[in-house]
């Protein structure tokens, strides 16, 4: 069974940075299209960044130029570097495959950006 454990969230001021990490067990990160999702109260999860098996990255328009997704096959992690954070980035962040077939989801990590 695949297990996903997210970490690295916290409280940061407008314009600050955070680096999220997702530890993946039960599968190789390089064998899957992996993504970072975020969810705010009352809304569904939104895919914000993905990395293909070949290593190509794509981002939702709202985070382009500010977020960078990467993976470390040896460590079995998928990271999300978030720079120039804005209040609208406040959410619980999760990692999963794209599409999100790994169940259950991890617990997520809370990111709060204050203005």
PDB file of N, CA and C in Angstrom:
ATOM      1  N   UNK A   1       0.844  -1.193   0.000  1.00  0.00           N
ATOM      2  CA  UNK A   1       0.000   0.000   0.000  1.00  0.00           C
ATOM      3  C   UNK A   1       0.879   1.243   0.000  1.00  0.00           C
ATOM      4  N   UNK A   2       0.509   2.199  -0.807  1.00  0.00           N
ATOM      5  CA  UNK A   2       1.266   3.448  -0.879  1.00  0.00           C
ATOM      6  C   UNK A   2       0.899   4.327   0.306  1.00  0.00           C
ATOM      7  N   UNK A   3       1.918   4.910   0.933  1.00  0.00           N
ATOM      8  CA  UNK A   3       1.711   5.837   2.040  1.00  0.00           C
ATOM      9  C   UNK A   3       2.318   7.186   1.681  1.00  0.00           C
ATOM     10  N   UNK A   4       1.572   8.232   1.980  1.00  0.00           N
ATOM     11  CA  UNK A   4       1.991   9.603   1.672  1.00  0.00           C
ATOM     12  C   UNK A   4       2.033  10.396   2.966  1.00  0.00           C
ATOM     13  N   UNK A   5       3.150  11.049   3.236  1.00  0.00           N
ATOM     14  CA  UNK A   5       3.285  11.843   4.458  1.00  0.00           C
ATOM     15  C   UNK A   5       3.832  13.213   4.074  1.00  0.00           C
ATOM     16  N   UNK A   6       2.992  14.224   4.228  1.00  0.00           N
ATOM     17  CA  UNK A   6       3.377  15.596   3.887  1.00  0.00           C
ATOM     18  C   UNK A   6       3.917  16.327   5.123  1.00  0.00           C
ATOM     19  N   UNK A   7       4.846  17.235   4.886  1.00  0.00           N
ATOM     20  CA  UNK A   7       5.406  18.031   5.973  1.00  0.00           C
ATOM     21  C   UNK A   7       5.932  19.353   5.413  1.00  0.00           C
ATOM     22  N   UNK A   8       6.251  20.271   6.318  1.00  0.00           N
ATOM     23  CA  UNK A   8       6.896  21.509   5.925  1.00  0.00           C
ATOM     24  C   UNK A   8       6.023  22.745   5.937  1.00  0.00           C
ATOM     25  N   UNK A   9       4.744  22.577   6.211  1.00  0.00           N
ATOM     26  CA  UNK A   9       3.864  23.740   6.237  1.00  0.00           C
ATOM     27  C   UNK A   9       4.115  24.615   7.446  1.00  0.00           C
ATOM     28  N   UNK A  10       3.405  25.729   7.500  1.00  0.00           N
ATOM     29  CA  UNK A  10       3.537  26.627   8.628  1.00  0.00           C
ATOM     30  C   UNK A  10       2.910  27.975   8.347  1.00  0.00           C
ATOM     31  N   UNK A  11       3.198  28.908   9.231  1.00  0.00           N
ATOM     32  CA  UNK A  11       2.699  30.282   9.112  1.00  0.00           C
ATOM     33  C   UNK A  11       3.825  31.159   8.566  1.00  0.00           C
ATOM     34  N   UNK A  12       3.528  31.890   7.528  1.00  0.00           N
ATOM     35  CA  UNK A  12       4.541  32.734   6.899  1.00  0.00           C
ATOM     36  C   UNK A  12       3.903  34.053   6.488  1.00  0.00           C
ATOM     37  N   UNK A  13       4.699  35.080   6.428  1.00  0.00           N
ATOM     38  CA  UNK A  13       4.184  36.391   6.030  1.00  0.00           C
ATOM     39  C   UNK A  13       4.133  36.514   4.508  1.00  0.00           C
ATOM     40  N   UNK A  14       3.335  37.467   4.076  1.00  0.00           N
ATOM     41  CA  UNK A  14       3.245  37.793   2.650  1.00  0.00           C
ATOM     42  C   UNK A  14       4.648  37.941   2.057  1.00  0.00           C
ATOM     43  N   UNK A  15       4.880  37.248   0.943  1.00  0.00           N
ATOM     44  CA  UNK A  15       6.172  37.309   0.279  1.00  0.00           C
ATOM     45  C   UNK A  15       7.195  36.304   0.766  1.00  0.00           C
ATOM     46  N   UNK A  16       6.840  35.561   1.782  1.00  0.00           N
ATOM     47  CA  UNK A  16       7.763  34.586   2.337  1.00  0.00           C
ATOM     48  C   UNK A  16       7.839  33.299   1.526  1.00  0.00           C
ATOM     49  N   UNK A  17       8.621  32.356   2.020  1.00  0.00           N
ATOM     50  CA  UNK A  17       8.839  31.081   1.336  1.00  0.00           C
ATOM     51  C   UNK A  17       8.658  29.907   2.286  1.00  0.00           C
ATOM     52  N   UNK A  18       8.266  28.799   1.706  1.00  0.00           N
ATOM     53  CA  UNK A  18       8.190  27.530   2.422  1.00  0.00           C
ATOM     54  C   UNK A  18       8.580  26.420   1.459  1.00  0.00           C
ATOM     55  N   UNK A  19       9.086  25.351   2.018  1.00  0.00           N
ATOM     56  CA  UNK A  19       9.381  24.164   1.210  1.00  0.00           C
ATOM     57  C   UNK A  19       8.624  22.983   1.803  1.00  0.00           C
ATOM     58  N   UNK A  20       7.703  22.444   1.032  1.00  0.00           N
ATOM     59  CA  UNK A  20       6.938  21.281   1.453  1.00  0.00           C
ATOM     60  C   UNK A  20       7.623  20.015   0.956  1.00  0.00           C
ATOM     61  N   UNK A  21       7.476  18.949   1.715  1.00  0.00           N
ATOM     62  CA  UNK A  21       8.040  17.677   1.313  1.00  0.00           C
ATOM     63  C   UNK A  21       7.004  16.574   1.504  1.00  0.00           C
ATOM     64  N   UNK A  22       6.992  15.633   0.576  1.00  0.00           N
ATOM     65  CA  UNK A  22       6.090  14.492   0.655  1.00  0.00           C
ATOM     66  C   UNK A  22       6.938  13.225   0.616  1.00  0.00           C
ATOM     67  N   UNK A  23       6.907  12.472   1.694  1.00  0.00           N
ATOM     68  CA  UNK A  23       7.600  11.185   1.744  1.00  0.00           C
ATOM     69  C   UNK A  23       6.657  10.115   1.209  1.00  0.00           C
ATOM     70  N   UNK A  24       7.135   9.381   0.217  1.00  0.00           N
ATOM     71  CA  UNK A  24       6.313   8.380  -0.458  1.00  0.00           C
ATOM     72  C   UNK A  24       6.894   6.994  -0.209  1.00  0.00           C
ATOM     73  N   UNK A  25       6.082   6.093   0.293  1.00  0.00           N
ATOM     74  CA  UNK A  25       6.507   4.706   0.473  1.00  0.00           C
ATOM     75  C   UNK A  25       5.534   3.789  -0.251  1.00  0.00           C
ATOM     76  N   UNK A  26       6.043   2.653  -0.684  1.00  0.00           N
ATOM     77  CA  UNK A  26       5.203   1.680  -1.371  1.00  0.00           C
ATOM     78  C   UNK A  26       5.225   1.780  -2.883  1.00  0.00           C
ATOM     79  N   UNK A  27       5.880   2.780  -3.408  1.00  0.00           N
ATOM     80  CA  UNK A  27       6.022   2.935  -4.854  1.00  0.00           C
ATOM     81  C   UNK A  27       7.188   3.873  -5.115  1.00  0.00           C
ATOM     82  N   UNK A  28       7.723   3.820  -6.314  1.00  0.00           N
ATOM     83  CA  UNK A  28       8.819   4.711  -6.683  1.00  0.00           C
ATOM     84  C   UNK A  28       8.261   6.009  -7.245  1.00  0.00           C
ATOM     85  N   UNK A  29       8.754   7.142  -6.763  1.00  0.00           N
ATOM     86  CA  UNK A  29       8.210   8.424  -7.210  1.00  0.00           C
ATOM     87  C   UNK A  29       8.469   8.643  -8.699  1.00  0.00           C
ATOM     88  N   UNK A  30       9.549   8.078  -9.210  1.00  0.00           N
ATOM     89  CA  UNK A  30       9.871   8.275 -10.621  1.00  0.00           C
ATOM     90  C   UNK A  30       9.026   7.406 -11.545  1.00  0.00           C
ATOM     91  N   UNK A  31       8.262   6.485 -10.996  1.00  0.00           N
ATOM     92  CA  UNK A  31       7.393   5.625 -11.802  1.00  0.00           C
ATOM     93  C   UNK A  31       5.988   6.195 -11.953  1.00  0.00           C
ATOM     94  N   UNK A  32       5.733   7.320 -11.309  1.00  0.00           N
ATOM     95  CA  UNK A  32       4.390   7.896 -11.276  1.00  0.00           C
ATOM     96  C   UNK A  32       4.407   9.368 -11.636  1.00  0.00           C
ATOM     97  N   UNK A  33       3.333   9.835 -12.249  1.00  0.00           N
ATOM     98  CA  UNK A  33       3.107  11.268 -12.342  1.00  0.00           C
ATOM     99  C   UNK A  33       2.651  11.712 -10.961  1.00  0.00           C
ATOM    100  N   UNK A  34       3.398  12.618 -10.351  1.00  0.00           N
ATOM    101  CA  UNK A  34       3.088  13.053  -8.994  1.00  0.00           C
ATOM    102  C   UNK A  34       2.664  14.518  -8.992  1.00  0.00           C
ATOM    103  N   UNK A  35       1.808  14.843  -8.054  1.00  0.00           N
ATOM    104  CA  UNK A  35       1.325  16.214  -7.992  1.00  0.00           C
ATOM    105  C   UNK A  35       1.171  16.711  -6.575  1.00  0.00           C
ATOM    106  N   UNK A  36       1.143  18.017  -6.456  1.00  0.00           N
ATOM    107  CA  UNK A  36       0.789  18.679  -5.210  1.00  0.00           C
ATOM    108  C   UNK A  36      -0.582  19.323  -5.398  1.00  0.00           C
ATOM    109  N   UNK A  37      -1.434  19.089  -4.438  1.00  0.00           N
ATOM    110  CA  UNK A  37      -2.788  19.614  -4.443  1.00  0.00           C
ATOM    111  C   UNK A  37      -2.973  20.525  -3.234  1.00  0.00           C
ATOM    112  N   UNK A  38      -3.976  21.396  -3.301  1.00  0.00           N
ATOM    113  CA  UNK A  38      -4.321  22.185  -2.130  1.00  0.00           C
ATOM    114  C   UNK A  38      -5.828  22.284  -2.007  1.00  0.00           C
ATOM    115  N   UNK A  39      -6.256  22.458  -0.760  1.00  0.00           N
ATOM    116  CA  UNK A  39      -7.690  22.512  -0.481  1.00  0.00           C
ATOM    117  C   UNK A  39      -7.968  23.571   0.556  1.00  0.00           C
ATOM    118  N   UNK A  40      -8.982  24.378   0.291  1.00  0.00           N
ATOM    119  CA  UNK A  40      -9.454  25.363   1.255  1.00  0.00           C
ATOM    120  C   UNK A  40     -10.860  24.955   1.693  1.00  0.00           C
ATOM    121  N   UNK A  41     -11.305  25.439   2.860  1.00  0.00           N
ATOM    122  CA  UNK A  41     -12.635  25.060   3.359  1.00  0.00           C
ATOM    123  C   UNK A  41     -13.732  25.318   2.335  1.00  0.00           C
ATOM    124  N   UNK A  42     -14.554  24.329   2.124  1.00  0.00           N
ATOM    125  CA  UNK A  42     -15.681  24.487   1.209  1.00  0.00           C
ATOM    126  C   UNK A  42     -15.346  24.282  -0.252  1.00  0.00           C
ATOM    127  N   UNK A  43     -14.082  23.989  -0.539  1.00  0.00           N
ATOM    128  CA  UNK A  43     -13.677  23.777  -1.926  1.00  0.00           C
ATOM    129  C   UNK A  43     -13.034  22.419  -2.090  1.00  0.00           C
ATOM    130  N   UNK A  44     -13.059  21.915  -3.294  1.00  0.00           N
ATOM    131  CA  UNK A  44     -12.405  20.658  -3.583  1.00  0.00           C
ATOM    132  C   UNK A  44     -10.911  20.841  -3.703  1.00  0.00           C
ATOM    133  N   UNK A  45     -10.216  19.742  -3.796  1.00  0.00           N
ATOM    134  CA  UNK A  45      -8.769  19.806  -3.939  1.00  0.00           C
ATOM    135  C   UNK A  45      -8.411  20.265  -5.344  1.00  0.00           C
ATOM    136  N   UNK A  46      -7.434  21.162  -5.407  1.00  0.00           N
ATOM    137  CA  UNK A  46      -6.967  21.725  -6.673  1.00  0.00           C
ATOM    138  C   UNK A  46      -5.539  21.268  -6.919  1.00  0.00           C
ATOM    139  N   UNK A  47      -5.295  20.731  -8.110  1.00  0.00           N
ATOM    140  CA  UNK A  47      -3.930  20.371  -8.486  1.00  0.00           C
ATOM    141  C   UNK A  47      -3.172  21.650  -8.832  1.00  0.00           C
ATOM    142  N   UNK A  48      -2.074  21.907  -8.144  1.00  0.00           N
ATOM    143  CA  UNK A  48      -1.324  23.141  -8.393  1.00  0.00           C
ATOM    144  C   UNK A  48      -0.010  22.884  -9.117  1.00  0.00           C
ATOM    145  N   UNK A  49       0.541  21.696  -8.989  1.00  0.00           N
ATOM    146  CA  UNK A  49       1.814  21.404  -9.645  1.00  0.00           C
ATOM    147  C   UNK A  49       1.912  19.896  -9.869  1.00  0.00           C
ATOM    148  N   UNK A  50       2.539  19.532 -10.982  1.00  0.00           N
ATOM    149  CA  UNK A  50       2.722  18.112 -11.266  1.00  0.00           C
ATOM    150  C   UNK A  50       4.076  17.907 -11.919  1.00  0.00           C
ATOM    151  N   UNK A  51       4.597  16.693 -11.752  1.00  0.00           N
ATOM    152  CA  UNK A  51       5.852  16.330 -12.388  1.00  0.00           C
ATOM    153  C   UNK A  51       5.645  14.980 -13.060  1.00  0.00           C
ATOM    154  N   UNK A  52       5.965  14.917 -14.337  1.00  0.00           N
ATOM    155  CA  UNK A  52       5.726  13.707 -15.104  1.00  0.00           C
ATOM    156  C   UNK A  52       6.811  12.667 -14.834  1.00  0.00           C
ATOM    157  N   UNK A  53       6.588  11.473 -15.350  1.00  0.00           N
ATOM    158  CA  UNK A  53       7.585  10.414 -15.224  1.00  0.00           C
ATOM    159  C   UNK A  53       8.901  10.858 -15.867  1.00  0.00           C
ATOM    160  N   UNK A  54       8.788  11.609 -16.943  1.00  0.00           N
ATOM    161  CA  UNK A  54       9.986  12.092 -17.647  1.00  0.00           C
ATOM    162  C   UNK A  54      10.621  13.288 -16.954  1.00  0.00           C
ATOM    163  N   UNK A  55       9.936  13.832 -15.954  1.00  0.00           N
ATOM    164  CA  UNK A  55      10.481  14.962 -15.227  1.00  0.00           C
ATOM    165  C   UNK A  55       9.982  16.317 -15.667  1.00  0.00           C
ATOM    166  N   UNK A  56       9.018  16.338 -16.582  1.00  0.00           N
ATOM    167  CA  UNK A  56       8.453  17.609 -17.007  1.00  0.00           C
ATOM    168  C   UNK A  56       7.499  18.121 -15.937  1.00  0.00           C
ATOM    169  N   UNK A  57       7.522  19.432 -15.732  1.00  0.00           N
ATOM    170  CA  UNK A  57       6.694  20.040 -14.694  1.00  0.00           C
ATOM    171  C   UNK A  57       5.661  20.973 -15.300  1.00  0.00           C
ATOM    172  N   UNK A  58       4.496  21.007 -14.692  1.00  0.00           N
ATOM    173  CA  UNK A  58       3.449  21.934 -15.081  1.00  0.00           C
ATOM    174  C   UNK A  58       2.811  22.513 -13.836  1.00  0.00           C
ATOM    175  N   UNK A  59       2.247  23.717 -13.996  1.00  0.00           N
ATOM    176  CA  UNK A  59       1.700  24.444 -12.848  1.00  0.00           C
ATOM    177  C   UNK A  59       0.387  25.122 -13.232  1.00  0.00           C
ATOM    178  N   UNK A  60      -0.459  25.281 -12.235  1.00  0.00           N
ATOM    179  CA  UNK A  60      -1.643  26.087 -12.444  1.00  0.00           C
ATOM    180  C   UNK A  60      -1.200  27.542 -12.565  1.00  0.00           C
ATOM    181  N   UNK A  61      -1.939  28.322 -13.337  1.00  0.00           N
ATOM    182  CA  UNK A  61      -1.503  29.688 -13.648  1.00  0.00           C
ATOM    183  C   UNK A  61      -1.220  30.513 -12.397  1.00  0.00           C
ATOM    184  N   UNK A  62      -1.994  30.309 -11.350  1.00  0.00           N
ATOM    185  CA  UNK A  62      -1.879  31.146 -10.157  1.00  0.00           C
ATOM    186  C   UNK A  62      -0.560  30.969  -9.419  1.00  0.00           C
ATOM    187  N   UNK A  63       0.175  29.880  -9.688  1.00  0.00           N
ATOM    188  CA  UNK A  63       1.429  29.658  -8.967  1.00  0.00           C
ATOM    189  C   UNK A  63       2.643  29.667  -9.895  1.00  0.00           C
ATOM    190  N   UNK A  64       2.430  29.803 -11.187  1.00  0.00           N
ATOM    191  CA  UNK A  64       3.544  29.802 -12.133  1.00  0.00           C
ATOM    192  C   UNK A  64       4.554  30.890 -11.791  1.00  0.00           C
ATOM    193  N   UNK A  65       5.814  30.519 -11.826  1.00  0.00           N
ATOM    194  CA  UNK A  65       6.868  31.471 -11.520  1.00  0.00           C
ATOM    195  C   UNK A  65       7.151  31.613 -10.037  1.00  0.00           C
ATOM    196  N   UNK A  66       6.315  31.017  -9.198  1.00  0.00           N
ATOM    197  CA  UNK A  66       6.511  31.127  -7.739  1.00  0.00           C
ATOM    198  C   UNK A  66       6.752  29.766  -7.095  1.00  0.00           C
ATOM    199  N   UNK A  67       6.126  28.727  -7.630  1.00  0.00           N
ATOM    200  CA  UNK A  67       6.255  27.381  -7.065  1.00  0.00           C
ATOM    201  C   UNK A  67       7.111  26.514  -7.980  1.00  0.00           C
ATOM    202  N   UNK A  68       7.858  25.599  -7.372  1.00  0.00           N
ATOM    203  CA  UNK A  68       8.661  24.645  -8.127  1.00  0.00           C
ATOM    204  C   UNK A  68       8.504  23.255  -7.518  1.00  0.00           C
ATOM    205  N   UNK A  69       8.080  22.306  -8.340  1.00  0.00           N
ATOM    206  CA  UNK A  69       7.951  20.922  -7.875  1.00  0.00           C
ATOM    207  C   UNK A  69       9.196  20.151  -8.302  1.00  0.00           C
ATOM    208  N   UNK A  70       9.638  19.269  -7.432  1.00  0.00           N
ATOM    209  CA  UNK A  70      10.805  18.449  -7.740  1.00  0.00           C
ATOM    210  C   UNK A  70      10.656  17.100  -7.049  1.00  0.00           C
ATOM    211  N   UNK A  71      11.512  16.166  -7.423  1.00  0.00           N
ATOM    212  CA  UNK A  71      11.465  14.862  -6.779  1.00  0.00           C
ATOM    213  C   UNK A  71      12.881  14.363  -6.552  1.00  0.00           C
ATOM    214  N   UNK A  72      13.010  13.502  -5.571  1.00  0.00           N
ATOM    215  CA  UNK A  72      14.284  12.859  -5.271  1.00  0.00           C
ATOM    216  C   UNK A  72      13.993  11.363  -5.224  1.00  0.00           C
ATOM    217  N   UNK A  73      14.389  10.656  -6.271  1.00  0.00           N
ATOM    218  CA  UNK A  73      14.068   9.234  -6.355  1.00  0.00           C
ATOM    219  C   UNK A  73      14.758   8.428  -5.265  1.00  0.00           C
ATOM    220  N   UNK A  74      15.957   8.848  -4.912  1.00  0.00           N
ATOM    221  CA  UNK A  74      16.689   8.095  -3.881  1.00  0.00           C
ATOM    222  C   UNK A  74      16.013   8.254  -2.515  1.00  0.00           C
ATOM    223  N   UNK A  75      15.616   9.475  -2.206  1.00  0.00           N
ATOM    224  CA  UNK A  75      14.967   9.733  -0.913  1.00  0.00           C
ATOM    225  C   UNK A  75      13.484   9.388  -0.944  1.00  0.00           C
ATOM    226  N   UNK A  76      12.943   9.188  -2.155  1.00  0.00           N
ATOM    227  CA  UNK A  76      11.513   8.912  -2.321  1.00  0.00           C
ATOM    228  C   UNK A  76      10.672  10.077  -1.803  1.00  0.00           C
ATOM    229  N   UNK A  77      11.033  11.248  -2.208  1.00  0.00           N
ATOM    230  CA  UNK A  77      10.287  12.435  -1.817  1.00  0.00           C
ATOM    231  C   UNK A  77       9.889  13.258  -3.037  1.00  0.00           C
ATOM    232  N   UNK A  78       8.810  13.989  -2.872  1.00  0.00           N
ATOM    233  CA  UNK A  78       8.370  14.973  -3.859  1.00  0.00           C
ATOM    234  C   UNK A  78       8.230  16.291  -3.108  1.00  0.00           C
ATOM    235  N   UNK A  79       8.955  17.300  -3.532  1.00  0.00           N
ATOM    236  CA  UNK A  79       8.984  18.563  -2.820  1.00  0.00           C
ATOM    237  C   UNK A  79       8.258  19.663  -3.599  1.00  0.00           C
ATOM    238  N   UNK A  80       7.835  20.675  -2.874  1.00  0.00           N
ATOM    239  CA  UNK A  80       7.233  21.854  -3.487  1.00  0.00           C
ATOM    240  C   UNK A  80       7.857  23.087  -2.844  1.00  0.00           C
ATOM    241  N   UNK A  81       8.692  23.779  -3.593  1.00  0.00           N
ATOM    242  CA  UNK A  81       9.278  25.033  -3.132  1.00  0.00           C
ATOM    243  C   UNK A  81       8.317  26.159  -3.480  1.00  0.00           C
ATOM    244  N   UNK A  82       7.914  26.893  -2.478  1.00  0.00           N
ATOM    245  CA  UNK A  82       6.939  27.962  -2.664  1.00  0.00           C
ATOM    246  C   UNK A  82       7.566  29.290  -2.277  1.00  0.00           C
ATOM    247  N   UNK A  83       7.674  30.193  -3.224  1.00  0.00           N
ATOM    248  CA  UNK A  83       8.247  31.508  -2.999  1.00  0.00           C
ATOM    249  C   UNK A  83       7.202  32.589  -3.237  1.00  0.00           C
ATOM    250  N   UNK A  84       7.497  33.780  -2.710  1.00  0.00           N
ATOM    251  CA  UNK A  84       6.602  34.926  -2.897  1.00  0.00           C
ATOM    252  C   UNK A  84       5.154  34.541  -2.568  1.00  0.00           C
ATOM    253  N   UNK A  85       4.981  33.977  -1.408  1.00  0.00           N
ATOM    254  CA  UNK A  85       3.664  33.475  -1.026  1.00  0.00           C
ATOM    255  C   UNK A  85       2.666  34.602  -0.824  1.00  0.00           C
ATOM    256  N   UNK A  86       1.421  34.298  -1.151  1.00  0.00           N
ATOM    257  CA  UNK A  86       0.330  35.263  -1.058  1.00  0.00           C
ATOM    258  C   UNK A  86      -0.751  34.702  -0.135  1.00  0.00           C
ATOM    259  N   UNK A  87      -1.600  35.556   0.427  1.00  0.00           N
ATOM    260  CA  UNK A  87      -2.683  35.057   1.297  1.00  0.00           C
ATOM    261  C   UNK A  87      -3.571  34.028   0.600  1.00  0.00           C
ATOM    262  N   UNK A  88      -3.753  34.163  -0.701  1.00  0.00           N
ATOM    263  CA  UNK A  88      -4.598  33.209  -1.421  1.00  0.00           C
ATOM    264  C   UNK A  88      -3.958  31.834  -1.569  1.00  0.00           C
ATOM    265  N   UNK A  89      -2.702  31.685  -1.180  1.00  0.00           N
ATOM    266  CA  UNK A  89      -2.056  30.378  -1.155  1.00  0.00           C
ATOM    267  C   UNK A  89      -2.380  29.608   0.122  1.00  0.00           C
ATOM    268  N   UNK A  90      -3.036  30.264   1.061  1.00  0.00           N
ATOM    269  CA  UNK A  90      -3.414  29.599   2.309  1.00  0.00           C
ATOM    270  C   UNK A  90      -4.326  28.418   2.022  1.00  0.00           C
ATOM    271  N   UNK A  91      -3.915  27.248   2.496  1.00  0.00           N
ATOM    272  CA  UNK A  91      -4.657  26.012   2.226  1.00  0.00           C
ATOM    273  C   UNK A  91      -3.962  24.857   2.930  1.00  0.00           C
ATOM    274  N   UNK A  92      -4.613  23.715   2.913  1.00  0.00           N
ATOM    275  CA  UNK A  92      -3.953  22.467   3.283  1.00  0.00           C
ATOM    276  C   UNK A  92      -3.411  21.855   2.003  1.00  0.00           C
ATOM    277  N   UNK A  93      -2.146  21.503   2.014  1.00  0.00           N
ATOM    278  CA  UNK A  93      -1.474  20.971   0.835  1.00  0.00           C
ATOM    279  C   UNK A  93      -1.270  19.462   0.978  1.00  0.00           C
ATOM    280  N   UNK A  94      -1.547  18.757  -0.115  1.00  0.00           N
ATOM    281  CA  UNK A  94      -1.433  17.312  -0.169  1.00  0.00           C
ATOM    282  C   UNK A  94      -0.631  16.903  -1.401  1.00  0.00           C
ATOM    283  N   UNK A  95      -0.003  15.746  -1.319  1.00  0.00           N
ATOM    284  CA  UNK A  95       0.577  15.171  -2.519  1.00  0.00           C
ATOM    285  C   UNK A  95      -0.158  13.876  -2.862  1.00  0.00           C
ATOM    286  N   UNK A  96      -0.127  13.534  -4.120  1.00  0.00           N
ATOM    287  CA  UNK A  96      -0.716  12.297  -4.606  1.00  0.00           C
ATOM    288  C   UNK A  96      -0.285  12.130  -6.048  1.00  0.00           C
ATOM    289  N   UNK A  97      -0.655  11.041  -6.626  1.00  0.00           N
ATOM    290  CA  UNK A  97      -0.434  10.869  -8.061  1.00  0.00           C
ATOM    291  C   UNK A  97      -1.400  11.778  -8.822  1.00  0.00           C
ATOM    292  N   UNK A  98      -1.162  11.925 -10.115  1.00  0.00           N
ATOM    293  CA  UNK A  98      -2.091  12.637 -10.983  1.00  0.00           C
ATOM    294  C   UNK A  98      -2.470  11.713 -12.140  1.00  0.00           C
ATOM    295  N   UNK A  99      -3.731  11.262 -12.198  1.00  0.00           N
ATOM    296  CA  UNK A  99      -4.813  11.542 -11.268  1.00  0.00           C
ATOM    297  C   UNK A  99      -4.569  10.885  -9.914  1.00  0.00           C
ATOM    298  N   UNK A 100      -5.268  11.375  -8.885  1.00  0.00           N
ATOM    299  CA  UNK A 100      -4.978  10.968  -7.502  1.00  0.00           C
ATOM    300  C   UNK A 100      -5.530   9.591  -7.153  1.00  0.00           C
ATOM    301  N   UNK A 101      -4.777   8.545  -7.486  1.00  0.00           N
ATOM    302  CA  UNK A 101      -5.269   7.189  -7.282  1.00  0.00           C
ATOM    303  C   UNK A 101      -4.806   6.550  -5.982  1.00  0.00           C
ATOM    304  N   UNK A 102      -3.873   7.172  -5.287  1.00  0.00           N
ATOM    305  CA  UNK A 102      -3.381   6.564  -4.051  1.00  0.00           C
ATOM    306  C   UNK A 102      -4.360   6.868  -2.916  1.00  0.00           C
ATOM    307  N   UNK A 103      -4.807   5.827  -2.235  1.00  0.00           N
ATOM    308  CA  UNK A 103      -5.744   5.955  -1.124  1.00  0.00           C
ATOM    309  C   UNK A 103      -5.200   5.217   0.078  1.00  0.00           C
ATOM    310  N   UNK A 104      -5.335   5.776   1.293  1.00  0.00           N
ATOM    311  CA  UNK A 104      -5.941   7.080   1.554  1.00  0.00           C
ATOM    312  C   UNK A 104      -4.985   8.223   1.259  1.00  0.00           C
ATOM    313  N   UNK A 105      -5.503   9.436   1.203  1.00  0.00           N
ATOM    314  CA  UNK A 105      -4.665  10.605   1.113  1.00  0.00           C
ATOM    315  C   UNK A 105      -3.859  10.743   2.404  1.00  0.00           C
ATOM    316  N   UNK A 106      -2.758  11.467   2.333  1.00  0.00           N
ATOM    317  CA  UNK A 106      -2.030  11.787   3.546  1.00  0.00           C
ATOM    318  C   UNK A 106      -2.806  12.788   4.390  1.00  0.00           C
ATOM    319  N   UNK A 107      -2.213  13.168   5.499  1.00  0.00           N
ATOM    320  CA  UNK A 107      -2.895  14.094   6.408  1.00  0.00           C
ATOM    321  C   UNK A 107      -2.810  15.537   5.924  1.00  0.00           C
ATOM    322  N   UNK A 108      -1.924  15.785   4.978  1.00  0.00           N
ATOM    323  CA  UNK A 108      -1.755  17.139   4.471  1.00  0.00           C
ATOM    324  C   UNK A 108      -0.903  17.987   5.409  1.00  0.00           C
ATOM    325  N   UNK A 109      -0.529  19.161   4.922  1.00  0.00           N
ATOM    326  CA  UNK A 109       0.235  20.100   5.737  1.00  0.00           C
ATOM    327  C   UNK A 109      -0.344  21.497   5.512  1.00  0.00           C
ATOM    328  N   UNK A 110      -0.611  22.188   6.614  1.00  0.00           N
ATOM    329  CA  UNK A 110      -1.278  23.489   6.553  1.00  0.00           C
ATOM    330  C   UNK A 110      -0.283  24.593   6.219  1.00  0.00           C
ATOM    331  N   UNK A 111      -0.639  25.380   5.236  1.00  0.00           N
ATOM    332  CA  UNK A 111       0.124  26.578   4.886  1.00  0.00           C
ATOM    333  C   UNK A 111      -0.781  27.779   5.124  1.00  0.00           C
ATOM    334  N   UNK A 112      -0.304  28.719   5.928  1.00  0.00           N
ATOM    335  CA  UNK A 112      -1.055  29.929   6.211  1.00  0.00           C
ATOM    336  C   UNK A 112      -0.174  31.134   5.903  1.00  0.00           C
ATOM    337  N   UNK A 113      -0.671  32.006   5.048  1.00  0.00           N
ATOM    338  CA  UNK A 113       0.076  33.198   4.655  1.00  0.00           C
ATOM    339  C   UNK A 113      -0.653  34.416   5.196  1.00  0.00           C
ATOM    340  N   UNK A 114       0.018  35.166   6.038  1.00  0.00           N
ATOM    341  CA  UNK A 114      -0.591  36.350   6.632  1.00  0.00           C
ATOM    342  C   UNK A 114      -0.199  37.591   5.847  1.00  0.00           C
ATOM    343  N   UNK A 115      -1.124  38.541   5.838  1.00  0.00           N
ATOM    344  CA  UNK A 115      -0.852  39.791   5.134  1.00  0.00           C
ATOM    345  C   UNK A 115      -0.486  40.892   6.105  1.00  0.00           C
TER     346      UNK A 115
END
